[in-house]
Amino acid sequence: MEAEVAQRETSGVEAISPGGRPQDCAWYRNGEVLTFVGKAAQRFLDYNSFKEDKSLKAPERIVGALGAIAKTENLPSRFDAVVWVLLPINELATRQQIASRLTTLAQGFWFQDELEYRVNLTLSFRPEGYGIYVQRKAQLQQTGVAIAQRTTWIEMLGHRNGTQLAFETGTLNSAKSTSKFPGFWESFEKAANAAGVSVTEYDVLLRALETGQAQQYSVAKGTSVDFSTAIAQVEAAYLSSLESHFTDHLLPSLATGKGDVVLAGGAAYLMREPLRQFFEERGFAPRLSFAWEHQEALTQLVKAQLPEAVELPSLPMRMTDGFGLFQALLGDVNRMRGAS
């Protein structure tokens, strides 16, 4: 599901298109308020939410997902749900507010105005990137290496901001973890504007960055446009914004030979080749990996279950952190079952 959320009074919405998969038309009613999530919300919005704190609408997003799951799986109107939530580490302080709001919403909501669901929640919160760490731990174990023997840096490079998680001896070091270094979008906007790319062409430039194909058709201009100059300016601007963070907080650890870095997030995927070159030029290629590498199980699952993956090759990448967290949750459930 997409991340957008839109809310409207019932009296202000004339008609809602029926049909389609629940995750594509996820909306629910609480009293006189309709909440639309993901694709269902996009027709009500004329802006992107890259700069918005993820915690602001997290409860509404989660309830939309719970409703879509309940309908897809034909769950009863009352059911229990164990929900683990990923948040940027500097937004974890909002977890009590999220839990309170989410619990209230889950006590009764009408998904697609067809059935009222009441969900008994068990909540847990983890820092964004924790699922990546879980997967990295499993990968090292397969090679006979304990993750506690190494320092692992998880760099979640997002559009709004970046998150760094530092794991030492298998434990999160909060003092070295942060969500306060620059995100991609600010650099992208400045560089795109400097290169003469209009707001209406942002999506085209992003596609050029993702595919590595500078020549793209611009609907706004009605012709094919070469975005080579804009791509170069965006790449240079973003790497420049990250350099001081990497130099001060990451590279010294890699230089000891005992640290590894895993890059993740949407910006890391868009900028994967410039980022790879950045670390290679400094001699740290052996210490670098990308979170979406070696994700055969996730990739196969996405391709089998989600037909839109054909047009969205980045979809498995976007799900990597959540998939890792889901594996950790399954591990906890299995341990509890074994103990009982």
Protein backbone atom coordinates (compact mmCIF):
# COMPACT_ATOMS: atom_id res chain seq x y z
CA MET A 1 0.00 0.00 0.00
CA GLU A 2 1.07 3.56 -0.65
CA ALA A 3 1.59 5.96 2.26
CA GLU A 4 -0.87 8.76 1.46
CA VAL A 5 -3.69 9.55 3.87
CA ALA A 6 -6.66 11.84 3.21
CA GLN A 7 -9.62 12.54 5.48
CA ARG A 8 -12.97 14.03 4.54
CA GLU A 9 -16.37 14.53 6.15
CA THR A 10 -18.91 12.05 4.82
CA SER A 11 -21.04 14.93 3.57
CA GLY A 12 -18.16 16.17 1.42
CA VAL A 13 -17.69 12.97 -0.59
CA GLU A 14 -20.27 12.35 -3.29
CA ALA A 15 -19.22 8.90 -4.47
CA ILE A 16 -16.50 6.33 -3.87
CA SER A 17 -15.46 3.99 -6.66
CA PRO A 18 -16.16 0.38 -5.65
CA GLY A 19 -14.27 -2.73 -6.65
CA GLY A 20 -10.58 -3.56 -6.93
CA ARG A 21 -8.28 -5.10 -4.38
CA PRO A 22 -8.85 -3.97 -0.78
CA GLN A 23 -5.32 -2.54 -0.60
CA ASP A 24 -6.02 -0.42 -3.68
CA CYS A 25 -9.28 1.04 -2.36
CA ALA A 26 -8.60 1.14 1.37
CA TRP A 27 -10.94 3.50 3.17
CA TYR A 28 -12.95 3.39 6.36
CA ARG A 29 -15.45 5.39 8.35
CA ASN A 30 -15.26 6.52 11.97
CA GLY A 31 -18.40 8.41 12.84
CA GLU A 32 -18.79 11.13 10.22
CA VAL A 33 -15.16 11.05 9.06
CA LEU A 34 -13.95 9.05 6.06
CA THR A 35 -10.26 8.11 5.96
CA PHE A 36 -8.64 7.11 2.66
CA VAL A 37 -5.27 5.35 2.61
CA GLY A 38 -2.80 4.70 -0.20
CA LYS A 39 -4.13 4.79 -3.74
CA ALA A 40 -7.61 5.62 -2.47
CA ALA A 41 -6.21 8.83 -0.95
CA GLN A 42 -4.32 10.01 -4.01
CA ARG A 43 -7.32 11.52 -5.78
CA PHE A 44 -7.86 13.86 -2.82
CA LEU A 45 -4.26 15.10 -2.60
CA ASP A 46 -2.27 17.45 -4.80
CA TYR A 47 1.07 17.26 -2.98
CA ASN A 48 3.63 14.68 -1.91
CA SER A 49 4.26 13.85 1.73
CA PHE A 50 8.04 13.35 1.55
CA LYS A 51 8.66 16.01 4.21
CA GLU A 52 5.95 14.83 6.59
CA ASP A 53 6.83 13.06 9.84
CA LYS A 54 5.90 9.41 9.47
CA SER A 55 4.34 9.43 12.93
CA LEU A 56 1.70 12.02 12.00
CA LYS A 57 -0.66 9.68 10.17
CA ALA A 58 0.76 6.31 11.23
CA PRO A 59 -2.39 5.22 13.12
CA GLU A 60 -4.63 5.98 10.14
CA ARG A 61 -2.31 4.11 7.77
CA ILE A 62 -2.16 1.07 10.03
CA VAL A 63 -5.93 0.90 10.45
CA GLY A 64 -6.33 1.08 6.67
CA ALA A 65 -3.90 -1.83 6.30
CA LEU A 66 -5.68 -3.83 9.02
CA GLY A 67 -8.99 -3.32 7.23
CA ALA A 68 -7.53 -4.42 3.89
CA ILE A 69 -6.00 -7.52 5.49
CA ALA A 70 -9.24 -8.35 7.30
CA LYS A 71 -11.26 -8.15 4.11
CA THR A 72 -8.72 -10.06 2.02
CA GLU A 73 -8.42 -12.85 4.58
CA ASN A 74 -12.15 -12.90 5.46
CA LEU A 75 -11.42 -12.30 9.14
CA PRO A 76 -14.29 -12.01 11.62
CA SER A 77 -15.46 -8.59 12.75
CA ARG A 78 -13.50 -9.05 15.98
CA PHE A 79 -9.91 -10.28 15.82
CA ASP A 80 -6.53 -9.96 17.53
CA ALA A 81 -3.54 -8.40 15.78
CA VAL A 82 0.13 -8.19 16.74
CA VAL A 83 1.54 -5.05 15.12
CA TRP A 84 5.18 -4.01 15.07
CA VAL A 85 5.76 -0.44 13.92
CA LEU A 86 8.93 1.00 12.38
CA LEU A 87 9.67 4.69 13.03
CA PRO A 88 12.69 6.94 12.42
CA ILE A 89 14.63 6.81 15.65
CA ASN A 90 14.00 10.49 16.45
CA GLU A 91 10.24 9.88 16.14
CA LEU A 92 10.15 6.97 18.62
CA ALA A 93 9.25 9.48 21.32
CA THR A 94 5.82 9.71 19.69
CA ARG A 95 5.06 6.01 20.18
CA GLN A 96 2.73 6.57 23.14
CA GLN A 97 0.63 9.04 21.14
CA ILE A 98 0.57 6.63 18.21
CA ALA A 99 -0.41 3.71 20.43
CA SER A 100 -3.21 5.71 22.06
CA ARG A 101 -4.63 6.95 18.76
CA LEU A 102 -4.27 3.57 17.05
CA THR A 103 -5.96 1.72 19.91
CA THR A 104 -8.87 4.14 19.81
CA LEU A 105 -9.33 3.81 16.04
CA ALA A 106 -9.11 0.03 16.17
CA GLN A 107 -11.95 -0.19 18.69
CA GLY A 108 -14.45 0.28 15.89
CA PHE A 109 -14.13 1.25 12.21
CA TRP A 110 -16.25 0.48 9.16
CA PHE A 111 -13.93 -0.70 6.37
CA GLN A 112 -15.40 0.39 3.02
CA ASP A 113 -18.55 1.07 5.05
CA GLU A 114 -19.45 -2.64 4.83
CA LEU A 115 -18.43 -4.24 8.12
CA GLU A 116 -17.44 -2.79 11.48
CA TYR A 117 -14.18 -4.25 12.74
CA ARG A 118 -12.98 -4.24 16.33
CA VAL A 119 -9.33 -5.16 16.71
CA ASN A 120 -7.53 -6.12 19.91
CA LEU A 121 -3.99 -4.85 19.37
CA THR A 122 -0.63 -5.90 20.77
CA LEU A 123 1.83 -3.17 19.78
CA SER A 124 5.59 -2.91 19.66
CA PHE A 125 7.80 -0.18 18.19
CA ARG A 126 11.23 -0.51 16.58
CA PRO A 127 13.58 2.02 14.96
CA GLU A 128 13.46 2.26 11.19
CA GLY A 129 16.19 -0.01 9.85
CA TYR A 130 15.76 -2.69 12.51
CA GLY A 131 14.35 -5.11 9.93
CA ILE A 132 17.47 -4.56 7.80
CA TYR A 133 19.61 -5.43 10.82
CA VAL A 134 17.65 -8.66 11.41
CA GLN A 135 18.29 -9.72 7.83
CA ARG A 136 21.97 -8.78 7.98
CA LYS A 137 22.31 -10.88 11.14
CA ALA A 138 20.78 -13.89 9.38
CA GLN A 139 23.04 -13.43 6.34
CA LEU A 140 26.18 -13.37 8.51
CA GLN A 141 25.05 -16.42 10.47
CA GLN A 142 24.82 -18.36 7.20
CA THR A 143 28.52 -17.63 6.64
CA GLY A 144 29.44 -18.61 10.20
CA VAL A 145 29.99 -15.03 11.40
CA ALA A 146 28.28 -13.69 14.53
CA ILE A 147 27.06 -10.14 14.04
CA ALA A 148 28.22 -9.32 17.58
CA GLN A 149 31.79 -9.61 16.29
CA ARG A 150 31.35 -6.62 14.00
CA THR A 151 30.02 -3.07 14.11
CA THR A 152 27.08 -2.78 11.74
CA TRP A 153 25.91 0.56 10.40
CA ILE A 154 22.45 0.73 8.87
CA GLU A 155 22.05 3.88 6.78
CA MET A 156 18.39 4.46 5.86
CA LEU A 157 18.55 7.12 3.16
CA GLY A 158 15.06 8.55 2.86
CA HIS A 159 13.44 11.41 1.00
CA ARG A 160 12.69 13.49 4.10
CA ASN A 161 15.72 12.63 6.20
CA GLY A 162 18.34 9.99 6.83
CA THR A 163 18.46 7.52 9.70
CA GLN A 164 21.64 5.90 10.99
CA LEU A 165 21.53 2.90 13.32
CA ALA A 166 24.78 1.77 14.91
CA PHE A 167 24.90 -1.79 16.26
CA GLU A 168 27.94 -2.71 18.36
CA THR A 169 28.40 -6.19 19.84
CA GLY A 170 24.90 -6.97 18.63
CA THR A 171 23.28 -4.08 20.52
CA LEU A 172 21.92 -0.77 19.28
CA ASN A 173 24.16 2.13 20.33
CA SER A 174 21.66 4.96 20.72
CA ALA A 175 24.39 7.57 21.16
CA LYS A 176 25.71 6.86 17.67
CA SER A 177 22.28 6.50 16.07
CA THR A 178 20.42 9.45 14.60
CA SER A 179 17.72 10.58 12.20
CA LYS A 180 19.04 14.09 11.82
CA PHE A 181 21.13 14.07 8.66
CA PRO A 182 19.81 15.36 5.34
CA GLY A 183 17.21 13.63 3.25
CA PHE A 184 17.15 13.38 -0.53
CA TRP A 185 14.23 15.64 -1.38
CA GLU A 186 15.76 18.97 -0.40
CA SER A 187 18.84 18.33 -2.55
CA PHE A 188 16.67 17.01 -5.37
CA GLU A 189 14.44 20.09 -5.47
CA LYS A 190 17.35 22.55 -5.42
CA ALA A 191 19.34 20.71 -8.08
CA ALA A 192 16.31 20.09 -10.29
CA ASN A 193 15.34 23.75 -10.18
CA ALA A 194 18.91 24.81 -10.93
CA ALA A 195 18.89 22.49 -13.95
CA GLY A 196 15.66 24.04 -15.22
CA VAL A 197 13.43 21.06 -14.44
CA SER A 198 9.87 22.12 -13.62
CA VAL A 199 7.78 20.66 -10.81
CA THR A 200 5.60 18.92 -13.40
CA GLU A 201 8.69 17.03 -14.60
CA TYR A 202 9.88 15.85 -11.17
CA ASP A 203 8.37 12.39 -11.68
CA VAL A 204 10.10 12.09 -15.05
CA LEU A 205 13.46 13.05 -13.57
CA LEU A 206 12.96 10.55 -10.73
CA ARG A 207 12.25 7.85 -13.30
CA ALA A 208 15.44 8.79 -15.14
CA LEU A 209 17.40 8.48 -11.89
CA GLU A 210 15.83 5.13 -11.03
CA THR A 211 16.30 3.54 -14.45
CA GLY A 212 19.62 5.16 -15.32
CA GLN A 213 18.11 6.22 -18.65
CA ALA A 214 18.59 9.96 -19.12
CA GLN A 215 16.39 10.15 -22.21
CA GLN A 216 12.77 10.33 -21.04
CA TYR A 217 9.50 11.46 -22.58
CA SER A 218 8.13 14.62 -20.95
CA VAL A 219 4.35 14.93 -21.11
CA ALA A 220 4.64 18.58 -20.07
CA LYS A 221 6.85 19.36 -23.10
CA GLY A 222 5.35 16.81 -25.47
CA THR A 223 8.73 15.49 -26.53
CA SER A 224 11.67 13.38 -25.39
CA VAL A 225 14.06 15.22 -23.07
CA ASP A 226 17.68 14.49 -22.15
CA PHE A 227 17.97 14.75 -18.36
CA SER A 228 21.73 14.00 -18.23
CA THR A 229 22.62 17.42 -16.84
CA ALA A 230 19.87 17.33 -14.24
CA ILE A 231 20.86 13.81 -13.16
CA ALA A 232 24.48 14.86 -12.70
CA GLN A 233 23.47 17.91 -10.65
CA VAL A 234 21.10 15.90 -8.42
CA GLU A 235 23.74 13.23 -7.80
CA ALA A 236 26.41 15.80 -6.97
CA ALA A 237 24.12 17.79 -4.68
CA TYR A 238 22.93 14.76 -2.72
CA LEU A 239 26.39 13.25 -2.27
CA SER A 240 27.64 16.65 -1.13
CA SER A 241 24.88 16.82 1.48
CA LEU A 242 25.83 13.36 2.81
CA GLU A 243 29.61 13.70 2.74
CA SER A 244 30.08 15.40 6.11
CA HIS A 245 27.81 12.85 7.82
CA PHE A 246 29.65 9.91 6.28
CA THR A 247 33.07 11.44 6.96
CA ASP A 248 32.37 12.26 10.59
CA HIS A 249 30.20 9.33 11.69
CA LEU A 250 30.76 6.36 9.39
CA LEU A 251 34.07 6.22 7.54
CA PRO A 252 36.28 6.18 10.67
CA SER A 253 34.60 2.94 11.77
CA LEU A 254 34.94 1.38 8.32
CA ALA A 255 38.62 2.34 8.30
CA THR A 256 39.25 0.07 11.31
CA GLY A 257 38.25 -2.95 9.22
CA LYS A 258 35.73 -4.03 11.87
CA GLY A 259 32.70 -2.16 10.59
CA ASP A 260 30.23 -2.85 7.79
CA VAL A 261 27.66 -0.49 6.28
CA VAL A 262 24.31 -1.45 4.78
CA LEU A 263 22.61 1.21 2.66
CA ALA A 264 18.82 1.14 2.42
CA GLY A 265 15.85 3.35 1.62
CA GLY A 266 14.40 4.95 -1.48
CA ALA A 267 17.19 7.48 -1.95
CA ALA A 268 19.83 4.76 -1.68
CA TYR A 269 18.07 2.88 -4.48
CA LEU A 270 17.82 5.95 -6.72
CA MET A 271 21.44 6.88 -6.04
CA ARG A 272 22.89 3.37 -5.83
CA GLU A 273 25.60 3.78 -8.48
CA PRO A 274 26.93 7.17 -7.27
CA LEU A 275 26.88 5.85 -3.69
CA ARG A 276 28.70 2.68 -4.70
CA GLN A 277 31.32 4.79 -6.44
CA PHE A 278 31.65 7.04 -3.36
CA PHE A 279 32.64 4.09 -1.16
CA GLU A 280 34.74 2.38 -3.83
CA GLU A 281 36.84 5.52 -4.34
CA ARG A 282 37.66 5.48 -0.63
CA GLY A 283 38.56 1.80 -0.58
CA PHE A 284 35.49 0.61 1.32
CA ALA A 285 33.79 -1.50 -1.35
CA PRO A 286 34.30 -4.73 0.70
CA ARG A 287 32.57 -3.08 3.67
CA LEU A 288 29.52 -1.95 1.65
CA SER A 289 26.27 -3.74 0.87
CA PHE A 290 22.77 -2.70 -0.17
CA ALA A 291 19.78 -3.91 1.80
CA TRP A 292 17.90 -5.21 -1.24
CA GLU A 293 20.75 -7.48 -2.35
CA HIS A 294 20.40 -11.22 -1.68
CA GLN A 295 16.63 -10.90 -1.20
CA GLU A 296 15.57 -13.79 -3.44
CA ALA A 297 12.77 -14.96 -1.12
CA LEU A 298 11.23 -11.49 -0.87
CA THR A 299 11.60 -10.83 -4.59
CA GLN A 300 9.89 -14.11 -5.50
CA LEU A 301 7.10 -13.45 -3.01
CA VAL A 302 6.47 -9.96 -4.37
CA LYS A 303 6.46 -11.13 -7.98
CA ALA A 304 4.06 -13.97 -7.16
CA GLN A 305 1.62 -11.93 -5.06
CA LEU A 306 1.77 -8.41 -6.46
CA PRO A 307 1.25 -8.00 -10.21
CA GLU A 308 2.22 -4.31 -10.02
CA ALA A 309 5.82 -5.45 -9.37
CA VAL A 310 6.22 -5.75 -13.15
CA GLU A 311 5.90 -1.97 -13.48
CA LEU A 312 7.52 -1.21 -10.10
CA PRO A 313 10.88 -3.03 -10.00
CA SER A 314 11.76 -1.12 -6.82
CA LEU A 315 8.86 -2.71 -4.90
CA PRO A 316 10.92 -5.45 -3.18
CA MET A 317 13.44 -2.79 -2.14
CA ARG A 318 10.68 -0.72 -0.55
CA MET A 319 9.51 -3.72 1.45
CA THR A 320 12.92 -4.90 2.69
CA ASP A 321 12.82 -3.29 6.15
CA GLY A 322 9.22 -4.35 6.79
CA PHE A 323 9.92 -7.89 5.57
CA GLY A 324 12.86 -8.20 7.94
CA LEU A 325 10.71 -6.96 10.81
CA PHE A 326 8.03 -9.49 9.86
CA GLN A 327 10.62 -12.28 10.01
CA ALA A 328 11.64 -11.10 13.48
CA LEU A 329 7.98 -11.08 14.55
CA LEU A 330 7.50 -14.63 13.25
CA GLY A 331 10.60 -15.68 15.18
CA ASP A 332 9.13 -14.28 18.40
CA VAL A 333 5.78 -15.99 17.77
CA ASN A 334 7.46 -19.33 17.10
CA ARG A 335 9.56 -19.04 20.26
CA MET A 336 6.45 -18.29 22.33
CA ARG A 337 4.68 -21.29 20.81
CA GLY A 338 7.67 -23.47 21.58
CA ALA A 339 7.80 -22.25 25.17
CA SER A 340 4.11 -23.05 25.68
